[in-house]
Amino acid sequence: MRNEFNHARNDSPRSGGSKRTAPVAWGAIVATAIAVILWLTLHA
């Protein structure tokens, strides 16, 4: 029980952090790509 609890507790912040960071990072990349495409389209 201790090993499982410690493993879950130690692994949770890392996996949770990556799960929280990944969507934000991809969202920022997608938003930036859309913004660049729109800017190039409007200013072409």
PDB file of N, CA and C in Angstrom:
ATOM      1  N   MET A   1       0.826  -1.205   0.000  1.00  0.00           N
ATOM      2  CA  MET A   1       0.000   0.000   0.000  1.00  0.00           C
ATOM      3  C   MET A   1       0.863   1.259   0.000  1.00  0.00           C
ATOM      4  N   ARG A   2       1.932   1.242   0.795  1.00  0.00           N
ATOM      5  CA  ARG A   2       2.779   2.432   0.856  1.00  0.00           C
ATOM      6  C   ARG A   2       3.455   2.694  -0.486  1.00  0.00           C
ATOM      7  N   ASN A   3       3.932   1.623  -1.115  1.00  0.00           N
ATOM      8  CA  ASN A   3       4.612   1.805  -2.402  1.00  0.00           C
ATOM      9  C   ASN A   3       3.633   2.337  -3.454  1.00  0.00           C
ATOM     10  N   GLU A   4       2.441   1.786  -3.477  1.00  0.00           N
ATOM     11  CA  GLU A   4       1.457   2.240  -4.461  1.00  0.00           C
ATOM     12  C   GLU A   4       1.057   3.697  -4.188  1.00  0.00           C
ATOM     13  N   PHE A   5       0.856   4.015  -2.904  1.00  0.00           N
ATOM     14  CA  PHE A   5       0.446   5.370  -2.553  1.00  0.00           C
ATOM     15  C   PHE A   5       1.563   6.364  -2.893  1.00  0.00           C
ATOM     16  N   ASN A   6       2.802   6.017  -2.534  1.00  0.00           N
ATOM     17  CA  ASN A   6       3.920   6.910  -2.814  1.00  0.00           C
ATOM     18  C   ASN A   6       4.115   7.069  -4.317  1.00  0.00           C
ATOM     19  N   HIS A   7       3.977   5.960  -5.045  1.00  0.00           N
ATOM     20  CA  HIS A   7       4.145   6.033  -6.496  1.00  0.00           C
ATOM     21  C   HIS A   7       3.064   6.931  -7.106  1.00  0.00           C
ATOM     22  N   ALA A   8       1.836   6.750  -6.658  1.00  0.00           N
ATOM     23  CA  ALA A   8       0.738   7.557  -7.195  1.00  0.00           C
ATOM     24  C   ALA A   8       0.932   9.026  -6.819  1.00  0.00           C
ATOM     25  N   ARG A   9       1.357   9.254  -5.568  1.00  0.00           N
ATOM     26  CA  ARG A   9       1.521  10.641  -5.122  1.00  0.00           C
ATOM     27  C   ARG A   9       2.681  11.305  -5.861  1.00  0.00           C
ATOM     28  N   ASN A  10       3.761  10.557  -6.063  1.00  0.00           N
ATOM     29  CA  ASN A  10       4.927  11.131  -6.740  1.00  0.00           C
ATOM     30  C   ASN A  10       4.656  11.302  -8.236  1.00  0.00           C
ATOM     31  N   ASP A  11       3.862  10.408  -8.808  1.00  0.00           N
ATOM     32  CA  ASP A  11       3.631  10.436 -10.245  1.00  0.00           C
ATOM     33  C   ASP A  11       2.500  11.404 -10.601  1.00  0.00           C
ATOM     34  N   SER A  12       1.611  11.659  -9.663  1.00  0.00           N
ATOM     35  CA  SER A  12       0.436  12.475  -9.939  1.00  0.00           C
ATOM     36  C   SER A  12       0.788  13.908 -10.337  1.00  0.00           C
ATOM     37  N   PRO A  13       1.642  14.607  -9.584  1.00  0.00           N
ATOM     38  CA  PRO A  13       1.934  15.997  -9.959  1.00  0.00           C
ATOM     39  C   PRO A  13       2.584  16.090 -11.337  1.00  0.00           C
ATOM     40  N   ARG A  14       3.442  15.133 -11.662  1.00  0.00           N
ATOM     41  CA  ARG A  14       4.121  15.182 -12.971  1.00  0.00           C
ATOM     42  C   ARG A  14       3.124  14.947 -14.098  1.00  0.00           C
ATOM     43  N   SER A  15       2.324  13.881 -13.970  1.00  0.00           N
ATOM     44  CA  SER A  15       1.353  13.582 -15.024  1.00  0.00           C
ATOM     45  C   SER A  15       0.300  14.677 -15.097  1.00  0.00           C
ATOM     46  N   GLY A  16      -0.141  15.155 -13.926  1.00  0.00           N
ATOM     47  CA  GLY A  16      -1.130  16.229 -13.899  1.00  0.00           C
ATOM     48  C   GLY A  16      -0.574  17.490 -14.523  1.00  0.00           C
ATOM     49  N   GLY A  17       0.698  17.789 -14.223  1.00  0.00           N
ATOM     50  CA  GLY A  17       1.315  18.978 -14.795  1.00  0.00           C
ATOM     51  C   GLY A  17       1.437  18.875 -16.295  1.00  0.00           C
ATOM     52  N   SER A  18       1.837  17.701 -16.777  1.00  0.00           N
ATOM     53  CA  SER A  18       1.985  17.532 -18.220  1.00  0.00           C
ATOM     54  C   SER A  18       0.621  17.578 -18.904  1.00  0.00           C
ATOM     55  N   LYS A  19      -0.387  17.000 -18.234  1.00  0.00           N
ATOM     56  CA  LYS A  19      -1.729  17.020 -18.821  1.00  0.00           C
ATOM     57  C   LYS A  19      -2.286  18.435 -18.849  1.00  0.00           C
ATOM     58  N   ARG A  20      -1.921  19.241 -17.846  1.00  0.00           N
ATOM     59  CA  ARG A  20      -2.401  20.628 -17.832  1.00  0.00           C
ATOM     60  C   ARG A  20      -1.614  21.493 -18.800  1.00  0.00           C
ATOM     61  N   THR A  21      -0.314  21.249 -18.902  1.00  0.00           N
ATOM     62  CA  THR A  21       0.547  22.088 -19.734  1.00  0.00           C
ATOM     63  C   THR A  21       0.365  21.780 -21.214  1.00  0.00           C
ATOM     64  N   ALA A  22       0.249  20.508 -21.560  1.00  0.00           N
ATOM     65  CA  ALA A  22       0.165  20.107 -22.966  1.00  0.00           C
ATOM     66  C   ALA A  22      -0.988  20.799 -23.703  1.00  0.00           C
ATOM     67  N   PRO A  23      -2.227  20.716 -23.199  1.00  0.00           N
ATOM     68  CA  PRO A  23      -3.333  21.378 -23.916  1.00  0.00           C
ATOM     69  C   PRO A  23      -3.128  22.886 -24.045  1.00  0.00           C
ATOM     70  N   VAL A  24      -2.566  23.510 -23.014  1.00  0.00           N
ATOM     71  CA  VAL A  24      -2.326  24.956 -23.066  1.00  0.00           C
ATOM     72  C   VAL A  24      -1.282  25.263 -24.123  1.00  0.00           C
ATOM     73  N   ALA A  25      -0.223  24.450 -24.162  1.00  0.00           N
ATOM     74  CA  ALA A  25       0.837  24.672 -25.147  1.00  0.00           C
ATOM     75  C   ALA A  25       0.302  24.459 -26.557  1.00  0.00           C
ATOM     76  N   TRP A  26      -0.419  23.358 -26.770  1.00  0.00           N
ATOM     77  CA  TRP A  26      -0.987  23.104 -28.110  1.00  0.00           C
ATOM     78  C   TRP A  26      -2.001  24.190 -28.468  1.00  0.00           C
ATOM     79  N   GLY A  27      -2.788  24.627 -27.500  1.00  0.00           N
ATOM     80  CA  GLY A  27      -3.761  25.685 -27.765  1.00  0.00           C
ATOM     81  C   GLY A  27      -3.071  26.972 -28.180  1.00  0.00           C
ATOM     82  N   ALA A  28      -1.939  27.286 -27.517  1.00  0.00           N
ATOM     83  CA  ALA A  28      -1.188  28.491 -27.862  1.00  0.00           C
ATOM     84  C   ALA A  28      -0.592  28.357 -29.262  1.00  0.00           C
ATOM     85  N   ILE A  29      -0.081  27.158 -29.584  1.00  0.00           N
ATOM     86  CA  ILE A  29       0.504  26.937 -30.913  1.00  0.00           C
ATOM     87  C   ILE A  29      -0.568  27.076 -31.992  1.00  0.00           C
ATOM     88  N   VAL A  30      -1.709  26.448 -31.760  1.00  0.00           N
ATOM     89  CA  VAL A  30      -2.807  26.517 -32.739  1.00  0.00           C
ATOM     90  C   VAL A  30      -3.299  27.948 -32.889  1.00  0.00           C
ATOM     91  N   ALA A  31      -3.466  28.644 -31.763  1.00  0.00           N
ATOM     92  CA  ALA A  31      -3.937  30.031 -31.805  1.00  0.00           C
ATOM     93  C   ALA A  31      -2.947  30.911 -32.560  1.00  0.00           C
ATOM     94  N   THR A  32      -1.654  30.690 -32.319  1.00  0.00           N
ATOM     95  CA  THR A  32      -0.628  31.469 -33.012  1.00  0.00           C
ATOM     96  C   THR A  32      -0.652  31.176 -34.507  1.00  0.00           C
ATOM     97  N   ALA A  33      -0.787  29.893 -34.856  1.00  0.00           N
ATOM     98  CA  ALA A  33      -0.831  29.513 -36.271  1.00  0.00           C
ATOM     99  C   ALA A  33      -2.026  30.161 -36.965  1.00  0.00           C
ATOM    100  N   ILE A  34      -3.185  30.126 -36.314  1.00  0.00           N
ATOM    101  CA  ILE A  34      -4.385  30.737 -36.895  1.00  0.00           C
ATOM    102  C   ILE A  34      -4.194  32.242 -37.037  1.00  0.00           C
ATOM    103  N   ALA A  35      -3.598  32.868 -36.017  1.00  0.00           N
ATOM    104  CA  ALA A  35      -3.371  34.302 -36.069  1.00  0.00           C
ATOM    105  C   ALA A  35      -2.433  34.669 -37.222  1.00  0.00           C
ATOM    106  N   VAL A  36      -1.386  33.874 -37.407  1.00  0.00           N
ATOM    107  CA  VAL A  36      -0.433  34.138 -38.501  1.00  0.00           C
ATOM    108  C   VAL A  36      -1.128  33.952 -39.841  1.00  0.00           C
ATOM    109  N   ILE A  37      -1.914  32.904 -39.985  1.00  0.00           N
ATOM    110  CA  ILE A  37      -2.624  32.667 -41.249  1.00  0.00           C
ATOM    111  C   ILE A  37      -3.603  33.808 -41.542  1.00  0.00           C
ATOM    112  N   LEU A  38      -4.345  34.227 -40.519  1.00  0.00           N
ATOM    113  CA  LEU A  38      -5.281  35.325 -40.713  1.00  0.00           C
ATOM    114  C   LEU A  38      -4.530  36.610 -41.081  1.00  0.00           C
ATOM    115  N   TRP A  39      -3.402  36.874 -40.416  1.00  0.00           N
ATOM    116  CA  TRP A  39      -2.647  38.092 -40.691  1.00  0.00           C
ATOM    117  C   TRP A  39      -2.103  38.066 -42.114  1.00  0.00           C
ATOM    118  N   LEU A  40      -1.555  36.930 -42.527  1.00  0.00           N
ATOM    119  CA  LEU A  40      -1.025  36.828 -43.879  1.00  0.00           C
ATOM    120  C   LEU A  40      -2.141  36.954 -44.913  1.00  0.00           C
ATOM    121  N   THR A  41      -3.317  36.395 -44.579  1.00  0.00           N
ATOM    122  CA  THR A  41      -4.439  36.471 -45.511  1.00  0.00           C
ATOM    123  C   THR A  41      -4.928  37.909 -45.648  1.00  0.00           C
ATOM    124  N   LEU A  42      -5.012  38.613 -44.542  1.00  0.00           N
ATOM    125  CA  LEU A  42      -5.511  39.984 -44.575  1.00  0.00           C
ATOM    126  C   LEU A  42      -4.482  40.958 -45.174  1.00  0.00           C
ATOM    127  N   HIS A  43      -3.197  40.675 -44.959  1.00  0.00           N
ATOM    128  CA  HIS A  43      -2.154  41.613 -45.404  1.00  0.00           C
ATOM    129  C   HIS A  43      -1.413  41.133 -46.654  1.00  0.00           C
ATOM    130  N   ALA A  44      -1.932  40.101 -47.272  1.00  0.00           N
ATOM    131  CA  ALA A  44      -1.235  39.573 -48.450  1.00  0.00           C
ATOM    132  C   ALA A  44      -1.407  40.550 -49.617  1.00  0.00           C
TER     133      ALA A  44
END
